[in-house]
Amino acid sequence: MDEVRSVKPAVKFDDFARLDLRVARVLDCREHTNADKLLVLKVDLGTERRQICAALKAHYRPDELVGKLVVVLANLETRNMRGEASQGMILMAKEAAKDGHERVVVLSPTGNLAPGTPAG
């Protein structure tokens, strides 16, 4: 079997298990009024609603995200992002396109899962 190589150092399973990854539904999304790259999303995590800022403005229109299921890192400390509280992180994948631009895709479950469903 081929050796698996990572671009980052290995982490212990216990470190990974501390992450609270959950499915969330995007309820609302708008452009951040004071940032060129950020969108401000309101998400439903099943037991609570949160606001998350994400650098997705160059890749998605706000209306493309409303209603979408996404995967959220729910136990990330709240961070102020240009005057807006961000209470988690939306998981996404990035790849370099052939034209030199970056392609960003929000990770989204394909099944109809309830908000708050654990991911991992």
N, C-alpha and C. Protein backbone atom coordinates (compact mmCIF):
# COMPACT_ATOMS: atom_id res chain seq x y z
N MET A 1 0.84 -1.18 0.00
CA MET A 1 0.00 0.00 0.00
C MET A 1 0.89 1.24 0.00
N ASP A 2 0.48 2.28 -0.74
CA ASP A 2 1.27 3.50 -0.82
C ASP A 2 1.21 4.27 0.50
N GLU A 3 2.31 4.94 0.81
CA GLU A 3 2.37 5.76 2.02
C GLU A 3 1.53 7.02 1.82
N VAL A 4 0.75 7.37 2.83
CA VAL A 4 -0.06 8.58 2.78
C VAL A 4 0.79 9.74 3.28
N ARG A 5 0.83 10.80 2.50
CA ARG A 5 1.60 11.98 2.89
C ARG A 5 0.65 13.14 3.14
N SER A 6 0.97 13.92 4.14
CA SER A 6 0.16 15.07 4.49
C SER A 6 1.01 16.32 4.38
N VAL A 7 0.36 17.44 4.14
CA VAL A 7 1.09 18.71 4.09
C VAL A 7 1.21 19.34 5.48
N LYS A 8 0.53 18.77 6.45
CA LYS A 8 0.60 19.26 7.83
C LYS A 8 1.00 18.12 8.74
N PRO A 9 1.54 18.43 9.92
CA PRO A 9 1.93 17.38 10.86
C PRO A 9 0.74 16.53 11.29
N ALA A 10 1.01 15.26 11.60
CA ALA A 10 -0.03 14.35 12.07
C ALA A 10 -0.54 14.80 13.44
N VAL A 11 -1.83 14.53 13.69
CA VAL A 11 -2.41 14.81 15.00
C VAL A 11 -2.91 13.50 15.59
N LYS A 12 -2.95 13.45 16.89
CA LYS A 12 -3.46 12.27 17.58
C LYS A 12 -4.98 12.22 17.43
N PHE A 13 -5.53 11.01 17.45
CA PHE A 13 -6.98 10.85 17.31
C PHE A 13 -7.72 11.63 18.39
N ASP A 14 -7.20 11.65 19.61
CA ASP A 14 -7.87 12.38 20.70
C ASP A 14 -8.00 13.87 20.39
N ASP A 15 -6.99 14.44 19.70
CA ASP A 15 -7.07 15.86 19.30
C ASP A 15 -8.20 16.06 18.29
N PHE A 16 -8.28 15.16 17.30
CA PHE A 16 -9.35 15.25 16.30
C PHE A 16 -10.72 15.08 16.97
N ALA A 17 -10.82 14.16 17.91
CA ALA A 17 -12.10 13.88 18.57
C ALA A 17 -12.62 15.07 19.37
N ARG A 18 -11.77 16.02 19.72
CA ARG A 18 -12.19 17.21 20.45
C ARG A 18 -12.96 18.19 19.56
N LEU A 19 -12.84 18.05 18.24
CA LEU A 19 -13.55 18.94 17.33
C LEU A 19 -15.03 18.58 17.28
N ASP A 20 -15.88 19.59 17.37
CA ASP A 20 -17.32 19.40 17.29
C ASP A 20 -17.78 19.79 15.89
N LEU A 21 -17.81 18.81 14.99
CA LEU A 21 -18.24 19.05 13.61
C LEU A 21 -19.71 18.68 13.52
N ARG A 22 -20.53 19.62 13.02
CA ARG A 22 -21.97 19.37 12.95
C ARG A 22 -22.54 19.90 11.64
N VAL A 23 -23.63 19.30 11.23
CA VAL A 23 -24.37 19.76 10.06
C VAL A 23 -25.19 20.98 10.49
N ALA A 24 -25.23 21.99 9.62
CA ALA A 24 -26.04 23.18 9.87
C ALA A 24 -26.75 23.58 8.58
N ARG A 25 -27.88 24.25 8.72
CA ARG A 25 -28.58 24.78 7.56
C ARG A 25 -28.41 26.30 7.55
N VAL A 26 -28.05 26.84 6.39
CA VAL A 26 -27.89 28.29 6.25
C VAL A 26 -29.28 28.91 6.16
N LEU A 27 -29.59 29.78 7.11
CA LEU A 27 -30.90 30.45 7.17
C LEU A 27 -30.88 31.78 6.44
N ASP A 28 -29.76 32.46 6.51
CA ASP A 28 -29.63 33.78 5.90
C ASP A 28 -28.17 34.02 5.57
N CYS A 29 -27.92 34.83 4.57
CA CYS A 29 -26.56 35.15 4.18
C CYS A 29 -26.55 36.54 3.56
N ARG A 30 -25.55 37.32 3.95
CA ARG A 30 -25.41 38.68 3.41
C ARG A 30 -23.94 39.02 3.29
N GLU A 31 -23.66 40.04 2.50
CA GLU A 31 -22.29 40.52 2.38
C GLU A 31 -21.93 41.28 3.65
N HIS A 32 -20.69 41.13 4.10
CA HIS A 32 -20.17 41.89 5.25
C HIS A 32 -20.01 43.33 4.79
N THR A 33 -20.49 44.26 5.57
CA THR A 33 -20.45 45.67 5.16
C THR A 33 -19.07 46.30 5.27
N ASN A 34 -18.14 45.65 5.98
CA ASN A 34 -16.84 46.25 6.22
C ASN A 34 -15.69 45.32 5.81
N ALA A 35 -15.94 44.38 4.87
CA ALA A 35 -14.89 43.45 4.46
C ALA A 35 -15.12 43.04 3.01
N ASP A 36 -14.04 43.01 2.24
CA ASP A 36 -14.13 42.69 0.81
C ASP A 36 -14.37 41.21 0.53
N LYS A 37 -13.94 40.32 1.42
CA LYS A 37 -13.99 38.88 1.13
C LYS A 37 -15.04 38.11 1.92
N LEU A 38 -15.65 38.75 2.92
CA LEU A 38 -16.48 38.01 3.86
C LEU A 38 -17.97 38.05 3.56
N LEU A 39 -18.61 36.91 3.81
CA LEU A 39 -20.06 36.81 3.88
C LEU A 39 -20.41 36.54 5.34
N VAL A 40 -21.57 37.02 5.76
CA VAL A 40 -22.06 36.78 7.12
C VAL A 40 -23.27 35.85 7.00
N LEU A 41 -23.14 34.66 7.58
CA LEU A 41 -24.18 33.64 7.49
C LEU A 41 -24.85 33.44 8.83
N LYS A 42 -26.15 33.25 8.84
CA LYS A 42 -26.90 32.82 10.02
C LYS A 42 -27.20 31.35 9.77
N VAL A 43 -26.81 30.49 10.73
CA VAL A 43 -27.00 29.05 10.55
C VAL A 43 -27.80 28.46 11.70
N ASP A 44 -28.52 27.38 11.39
CA ASP A 44 -29.28 26.62 12.37
C ASP A 44 -28.49 25.36 12.68
N LEU A 45 -28.09 25.21 13.94
CA LEU A 45 -27.35 24.03 14.40
C LEU A 45 -28.25 23.05 15.14
N GLY A 46 -29.54 23.15 14.94
CA GLY A 46 -30.47 22.23 15.60
C GLY A 46 -30.94 22.74 16.94
N THR A 47 -30.02 22.95 17.85
CA THR A 47 -30.39 23.42 19.19
C THR A 47 -30.16 24.92 19.37
N GLU A 48 -29.52 25.53 18.40
CA GLU A 48 -29.24 26.97 18.48
C GLU A 48 -28.96 27.54 17.10
N ARG A 49 -29.03 28.84 17.02
CA ARG A 49 -28.70 29.56 15.79
C ARG A 49 -27.47 30.41 16.06
N ARG A 50 -26.61 30.47 15.04
CA ARG A 50 -25.36 31.22 15.19
C ARG A 50 -25.07 32.04 13.96
N GLN A 51 -24.14 32.97 14.16
CA GLN A 51 -23.63 33.78 13.05
C GLN A 51 -22.19 33.35 12.78
N ILE A 52 -21.87 33.16 11.50
CA ILE A 52 -20.53 32.77 11.10
C ILE A 52 -20.09 33.64 9.93
N CYS A 53 -18.90 34.19 10.02
CA CYS A 53 -18.30 34.94 8.90
C CYS A 53 -17.39 33.99 8.14
N ALA A 54 -17.48 34.04 6.82
CA ALA A 54 -16.67 33.15 5.99
C ALA A 54 -16.17 33.89 4.76
N ALA A 55 -14.93 33.62 4.37
CA ALA A 55 -14.31 34.26 3.20
C ALA A 55 -14.80 33.58 1.92
N LEU A 56 -16.06 33.80 1.60
CA LEU A 56 -16.69 33.15 0.45
C LEU A 56 -17.23 34.12 -0.59
N LYS A 57 -17.05 35.41 -0.36
CA LYS A 57 -17.67 36.42 -1.22
C LYS A 57 -17.26 36.30 -2.69
N ALA A 58 -16.03 35.91 -2.95
CA ALA A 58 -15.55 35.78 -4.33
C ALA A 58 -16.05 34.50 -4.99
N HIS A 59 -16.65 33.60 -4.21
CA HIS A 59 -17.01 32.28 -4.73
C HIS A 59 -18.50 31.98 -4.73
N TYR A 60 -19.27 32.68 -3.90
CA TYR A 60 -20.70 32.44 -3.80
C TYR A 60 -21.45 33.76 -3.69
N ARG A 61 -22.62 33.82 -4.29
CA ARG A 61 -23.57 34.90 -4.02
C ARG A 61 -24.33 34.49 -2.75
N PRO A 62 -24.73 35.43 -1.92
CA PRO A 62 -25.45 35.07 -0.70
C PRO A 62 -26.66 34.16 -0.95
N ASP A 63 -27.43 34.41 -2.00
CA ASP A 63 -28.63 33.61 -2.25
C ASP A 63 -28.30 32.16 -2.63
N GLU A 64 -27.09 31.89 -3.07
CA GLU A 64 -26.69 30.52 -3.40
C GLU A 64 -26.51 29.65 -2.15
N LEU A 65 -26.29 30.28 -1.00
CA LEU A 65 -26.02 29.54 0.23
C LEU A 65 -27.26 29.36 1.11
N VAL A 66 -28.24 30.23 0.97
CA VAL A 66 -29.44 30.15 1.81
C VAL A 66 -30.16 28.83 1.53
N GLY A 67 -30.45 28.09 2.61
CA GLY A 67 -31.11 26.80 2.51
C GLY A 67 -30.17 25.62 2.39
N LYS A 68 -28.89 25.88 2.12
CA LYS A 68 -27.91 24.82 1.92
C LYS A 68 -27.49 24.20 3.25
N LEU A 69 -27.27 22.88 3.25
CA LEU A 69 -26.67 22.21 4.40
C LEU A 69 -25.16 22.35 4.29
N VAL A 70 -24.51 22.68 5.39
CA VAL A 70 -23.06 22.84 5.43
C VAL A 70 -22.52 22.11 6.65
N VAL A 71 -21.21 21.91 6.69
CA VAL A 71 -20.56 21.33 7.85
C VAL A 71 -19.84 22.46 8.59
N VAL A 72 -20.07 22.53 9.90
CA VAL A 72 -19.56 23.62 10.73
C VAL A 72 -18.67 23.06 11.84
N LEU A 73 -17.55 23.74 12.08
CA LEU A 73 -16.76 23.49 13.29
C LEU A 73 -17.43 24.35 14.37
N ALA A 74 -18.20 23.68 15.23
CA ALA A 74 -19.07 24.39 16.17
C ALA A 74 -18.39 24.81 17.46
N ASN A 75 -17.27 24.18 17.83
CA ASN A 75 -16.65 24.54 19.10
C ASN A 75 -15.39 25.40 18.92
N LEU A 76 -15.35 26.16 17.84
CA LEU A 76 -14.29 27.14 17.64
C LEU A 76 -14.63 28.38 18.45
N GLU A 77 -13.65 28.95 19.12
CA GLU A 77 -13.90 30.15 19.91
C GLU A 77 -14.45 31.27 19.04
N THR A 78 -15.37 32.07 19.59
CA THR A 78 -15.93 33.21 18.88
C THR A 78 -14.81 34.19 18.55
N ARG A 79 -14.87 34.72 17.34
CA ARG A 79 -13.83 35.65 16.87
C ARG A 79 -14.51 36.85 16.23
N ASN A 80 -13.98 38.05 16.51
CA ASN A 80 -14.50 39.26 15.90
C ASN A 80 -13.83 39.44 14.54
N MET A 81 -14.63 39.51 13.50
CA MET A 81 -14.10 39.68 12.15
C MET A 81 -14.64 40.98 11.56
N ARG A 82 -13.83 42.03 11.72
CA ARG A 82 -14.18 43.36 11.23
C ARG A 82 -15.53 43.84 11.76
N GLY A 83 -15.72 43.66 13.06
CA GLY A 83 -16.91 44.17 13.72
C GLY A 83 -18.08 43.20 13.78
N GLU A 84 -17.94 42.02 13.22
CA GLU A 84 -19.00 41.00 13.27
C GLU A 84 -18.49 39.77 14.02
N ALA A 85 -19.30 39.23 14.91
CA ALA A 85 -18.93 38.02 15.63
C ALA A 85 -19.04 36.81 14.71
N SER A 86 -18.03 35.96 14.75
CA SER A 86 -18.07 34.71 14.01
C SER A 86 -18.00 33.59 15.04
N GLN A 87 -19.08 32.78 15.11
CA GLN A 87 -19.24 31.78 16.15
C GLN A 87 -19.09 30.36 15.59
N GLY A 88 -18.03 30.13 14.85
CA GLY A 88 -17.77 28.82 14.26
C GLY A 88 -17.05 29.00 12.93
N MET A 89 -16.93 27.89 12.20
CA MET A 89 -16.26 27.93 10.90
C MET A 89 -16.98 27.00 9.94
N ILE A 90 -17.27 27.48 8.74
CA ILE A 90 -17.85 26.67 7.68
C ILE A 90 -16.70 25.92 7.01
N LEU A 91 -16.81 24.60 6.88
CA LEU A 91 -15.75 23.83 6.22
C LEU A 91 -15.89 23.93 4.71
N MET A 92 -14.75 24.05 4.03
CA MET A 92 -14.72 24.18 2.58
C MET A 92 -13.47 23.52 2.04
N ALA A 93 -13.49 23.24 0.76
CA ALA A 93 -12.32 22.69 0.07
C ALA A 93 -11.85 23.72 -0.94
N LYS A 94 -10.52 23.81 -1.12
CA LYS A 94 -9.93 24.75 -2.07
C LYS A 94 -9.03 23.99 -3.02
N GLU A 95 -9.08 24.40 -4.27
CA GLU A 95 -8.13 23.85 -5.24
C GLU A 95 -7.74 24.94 -6.21
N ALA A 96 -6.53 24.83 -6.72
CA ALA A 96 -6.05 25.78 -7.72
C ALA A 96 -6.62 25.37 -9.07
N ALA A 97 -7.27 26.29 -9.73
CA ALA A 97 -7.81 26.02 -11.07
C ALA A 97 -6.71 26.20 -12.10
N LYS A 98 -6.93 25.66 -13.28
CA LYS A 98 -5.92 25.72 -14.34
C LYS A 98 -5.60 27.16 -14.76
N ASP A 99 -6.57 28.07 -14.60
CA ASP A 99 -6.35 29.46 -14.99
C ASP A 99 -5.62 30.26 -13.92
N GLY A 100 -5.20 29.59 -12.84
CA GLY A 100 -4.47 30.26 -11.77
C GLY A 100 -5.35 30.78 -10.65
N HIS A 101 -6.64 30.77 -10.84
CA HIS A 101 -7.56 31.20 -9.79
C HIS A 101 -7.81 30.05 -8.82
N GLU A 102 -8.35 30.39 -7.68
CA GLU A 102 -8.66 29.39 -6.67
C GLU A 102 -10.15 29.04 -6.75
N ARG A 103 -10.45 27.77 -6.69
CA ARG A 103 -11.84 27.31 -6.66
C ARG A 103 -12.13 26.88 -5.22
N VAL A 104 -13.22 27.41 -4.65
CA VAL A 104 -13.60 27.11 -3.28
C VAL A 104 -15.00 26.51 -3.30
N VAL A 105 -15.15 25.37 -2.61
CA VAL A 105 -16.44 24.68 -2.55
C VAL A 105 -16.78 24.43 -1.08
N VAL A 106 -17.95 24.86 -0.65
CA VAL A 106 -18.42 24.61 0.70
C VAL A 106 -18.76 23.12 0.81
N LEU A 107 -18.29 22.48 1.89
CA LEU A 107 -18.59 21.07 2.10
C LEU A 107 -20.05 20.94 2.55
N SER A 108 -20.79 20.14 1.80
CA SER A 108 -22.22 20.02 2.03
C SER A 108 -22.65 18.56 1.97
N PRO A 109 -23.34 18.07 3.00
CA PRO A 109 -23.84 16.69 2.96
C PRO A 109 -24.81 16.51 1.79
N THR A 110 -24.80 15.33 1.19
CA THR A 110 -25.70 15.06 0.07
C THR A 110 -27.06 14.58 0.54
N GLY A 111 -27.14 14.01 1.71
CA GLY A 111 -28.42 13.54 2.24
C GLY A 111 -29.16 14.65 2.94
N ASN A 112 -30.43 14.43 3.23
CA ASN A 112 -31.24 15.42 3.93
C ASN A 112 -31.10 15.17 5.43
N LEU A 113 -30.05 15.69 6.02
CA LEU A 113 -29.78 15.50 7.44
C LEU A 113 -30.36 16.65 8.26
N ALA A 114 -30.70 16.36 9.50
CA ALA A 114 -31.22 17.40 10.39
C ALA A 114 -30.08 18.27 10.88
N PRO A 115 -30.32 19.60 10.98
CA PRO A 115 -29.31 20.46 11.59
C PRO A 115 -28.95 19.95 12.97
N GLY A 116 -27.66 19.98 13.28
CA GLY A 116 -27.14 19.49 14.56
C GLY A 116 -26.58 18.08 14.47
N THR A 117 -26.83 17.38 13.35
CA THR A 117 -26.29 16.02 13.20
C THR A 117 -24.77 16.07 13.28
N PRO A 118 -24.17 15.23 14.12
CA PRO A 118 -22.70 15.19 14.21
C PRO A 118 -22.08 14.74 12.89
N ALA A 119 -20.93 15.34 12.56
CA ALA A 119 -20.17 14.95 11.38
C ALA A 119 -18.77 14.56 11.84
N GLY A 120 -18.09 13.79 11.04
CA GLY A 120 -16.74 13.44 11.46
C GLY A 120 -16.19 12.29 10.75
